[in-house]
């Protein structure tokens, strides 16, 4: 795929997500299908609060926003850079060994922490459980 086509694809995906968010379409597959919040429910709202400088509100919405949002933006940024990188250009050696044992331990820790907060929110801790809109309820509101 050439660069203009990649850019058009990226713009199309961003426009689709923006339109879905504008229409309050339930983007979370778990929430829209089963009507229960996923482990990341509230992260978008928490990230927006964090970007506005409202740390207390961000932590109230999702207590792991300080960890998960930077990870998400870092991985998406790396993917976009990789998408537009010239495949013929020489590549410097990676600064981080992504397949190392230490990285696996960190990934498992983040996963267990996220799942632990998710389960604690079902018990009423950390402002949970988060109210969600199922696809059925969203369609009923629109029709």
Protein backbone atom coordinates (compact mmCIF):
# COMPACT_ATOMS: atom_id res chain seq x y z
CA UNK A 1 0.00 0.00 0.00
CA UNK A 2 1.46 3.39 -0.94
CA UNK A 3 1.65 6.36 1.43
CA UNK A 4 -1.33 8.39 0.12
CA UNK A 5 -3.51 5.30 0.37
CA UNK A 6 -2.27 4.66 3.91
CA UNK A 7 -3.00 8.26 4.85
CA UNK A 8 -6.51 8.04 3.33
CA UNK A 9 -7.10 4.84 5.30
CA UNK A 10 -6.00 6.51 8.53
CA UNK A 11 -8.25 9.53 7.87
CA UNK A 12 -11.16 7.20 7.08
CA UNK A 13 -10.74 5.25 10.31
CA UNK A 14 -10.42 8.48 12.33
CA UNK A 15 -13.56 9.87 10.66
CA UNK A 16 -15.53 6.67 11.36
CA UNK A 17 -14.50 6.65 15.02
CA UNK A 18 -15.27 10.38 15.29
CA UNK A 19 -18.72 9.90 13.76
CA UNK A 20 -19.44 6.95 16.05
CA UNK A 21 -18.37 8.98 19.10
CA UNK A 22 -20.47 11.95 17.95
CA UNK A 23 -23.54 9.69 17.66
CA UNK A 24 -22.70 8.09 21.05
CA UNK A 25 -22.53 4.71 19.30
CA UNK A 26 -21.36 2.02 21.75
CA UNK A 27 -17.85 1.28 20.46
CA UNK A 28 -16.98 -1.29 23.10
CA UNK A 29 -17.84 -4.80 21.83
CA UNK A 30 -18.29 -6.19 25.35
CA UNK A 31 -20.55 -3.36 26.49
CA UNK A 32 -22.62 -3.24 23.30
CA UNK A 33 -23.12 -7.01 23.14
CA UNK A 34 -23.53 -8.06 26.77
CA UNK A 35 -24.36 -4.75 28.47
CA UNK A 36 -21.47 -5.00 30.95
CA UNK A 37 -18.49 -2.67 31.12
CA UNK A 38 -15.14 -3.86 29.77
CA UNK A 39 -11.86 -3.45 31.67
CA UNK A 40 -11.19 -0.20 29.78
CA UNK A 41 -14.65 1.33 30.10
CA UNK A 42 -14.30 5.01 30.91
CA UNK A 43 -10.75 5.36 29.61
CA UNK A 44 -11.74 7.70 26.78
CA UNK A 45 -13.60 10.04 29.13
CA UNK A 46 -10.80 9.77 31.69
CA UNK A 47 -8.17 10.58 29.05
CA UNK A 48 -10.14 13.63 27.90
CA UNK A 49 -10.41 14.81 31.51
CA UNK A 50 -6.68 14.25 31.92
CA UNK A 51 -5.96 16.27 28.77
CA UNK A 52 -8.10 19.10 30.18
CA UNK A 53 -5.96 19.02 33.31
CA UNK A 54 -8.68 17.59 35.56
CA UNK A 55 -6.64 14.84 37.24
CA UNK A 56 -9.16 14.21 40.03
CA UNK A 57 -12.02 13.65 37.56
CA UNK A 58 -9.83 11.47 35.34
CA UNK A 59 -8.88 9.22 38.25
CA UNK A 60 -12.51 9.10 39.37
CA UNK A 61 -13.63 7.87 35.94
CA UNK A 62 -10.85 5.27 35.56
CA UNK A 63 -8.10 4.90 38.17
CA UNK A 64 -5.55 3.49 35.69
CA UNK A 65 -5.77 6.37 33.20
CA UNK A 66 -2.28 7.54 34.22
CA UNK A 67 -0.85 4.19 33.05
CA UNK A 68 -3.07 2.94 30.23
CA UNK A 69 -3.52 6.17 28.23
CA UNK A 70 0.22 6.83 27.72
CA UNK A 71 0.71 3.16 26.78
CA UNK A 72 -2.10 3.38 24.24
CA UNK A 73 -0.81 6.60 22.67
CA UNK A 74 2.72 5.23 22.60
CA UNK A 75 1.70 2.05 20.80
CA UNK A 76 -0.60 3.87 18.35
CA UNK A 77 2.13 6.43 17.63
CA UNK A 78 4.67 3.68 17.00
CA UNK A 79 2.23 1.91 14.68
CA UNK A 80 1.58 5.11 12.70
CA UNK A 81 5.32 5.79 12.38
CA UNK A 82 5.84 2.20 11.25
CA UNK A 83 2.99 2.55 8.76
CA UNK A 84 4.61 5.54 7.07
CA UNK A 85 8.25 4.44 7.36
CA UNK A 86 10.05 3.74 4.09
CA UNK A 87 10.58 -0.04 3.98
CA UNK A 88 13.91 0.43 2.15
CA UNK A 89 15.37 2.80 4.74
CA UNK A 90 17.98 1.31 7.08
CA UNK A 91 16.59 0.58 10.51
CA UNK A 92 18.46 1.43 13.69
CA UNK A 93 18.63 -1.26 16.34
CA UNK A 94 15.60 -1.16 18.66
CA UNK A 95 15.99 0.72 21.94
CA UNK A 96 13.65 -1.66 23.74
CA UNK A 97 13.62 -5.43 23.38
CA UNK A 98 9.88 -5.99 23.01
CA UNK A 99 10.21 -9.75 23.12
CA UNK A 100 12.35 -9.91 26.26
CA UNK A 101 11.38 -11.64 29.48
CA UNK A 102 11.23 -8.35 31.40
CA UNK A 103 8.74 -6.88 28.94
CA UNK A 104 6.56 -9.98 29.29
CA UNK A 105 6.55 -9.59 33.07
CA UNK A 106 5.56 -5.93 32.73
CA UNK A 107 2.78 -6.81 30.26
CA UNK A 108 1.37 -9.51 32.55
CA UNK A 109 1.52 -7.10 35.52
CA UNK A 110 -0.40 -4.40 33.59
CA UNK A 111 -2.96 -6.97 32.43
CA UNK A 112 -3.51 -8.33 35.96
CA UNK A 113 -3.71 -4.80 37.39
CA UNK A 114 -6.30 -3.83 34.78
CA UNK A 115 -8.37 -6.97 35.40
CA UNK A 116 -8.11 -6.45 39.16
CA UNK A 117 -9.44 -2.90 38.90
CA UNK A 118 -12.19 -4.13 36.56
CA UNK A 119 -13.32 -6.76 39.10
CA UNK A 120 -13.06 -4.28 41.98
CA UNK A 121 -15.31 -1.89 40.06
CA UNK A 122 -17.98 -4.58 39.86
CA UNK A 123 -17.83 -4.71 43.66
CA UNK A 124 -18.46 -0.94 43.80
CA UNK A 125 -14.90 0.30 44.26
CA UNK A 126 -13.23 2.97 42.09
CA UNK A 127 -16.57 4.49 41.08
CA UNK A 128 -17.93 1.30 39.58
CA UNK A 129 -19.67 -0.42 38.10
CA UNK A 130 -19.63 1.87 35.10
CA UNK A 131 -23.01 2.37 33.39
CA UNK A 132 -22.89 1.30 29.74
CA UNK A 133 -25.21 1.41 26.75
CA UNK A 134 -25.82 -1.81 24.87
CA UNK A 135 -26.31 -1.79 21.11
CA UNK A 136 -29.94 -2.81 21.66
CA UNK A 137 -30.54 0.15 23.99
CA UNK A 138 -28.74 2.53 21.60
CA UNK A 139 -30.92 1.38 18.69
CA UNK A 140 -34.06 1.68 20.81
CA UNK A 141 -33.17 5.32 21.59
CA UNK A 142 -32.64 6.10 17.91
CA UNK A 143 -35.81 4.46 16.55
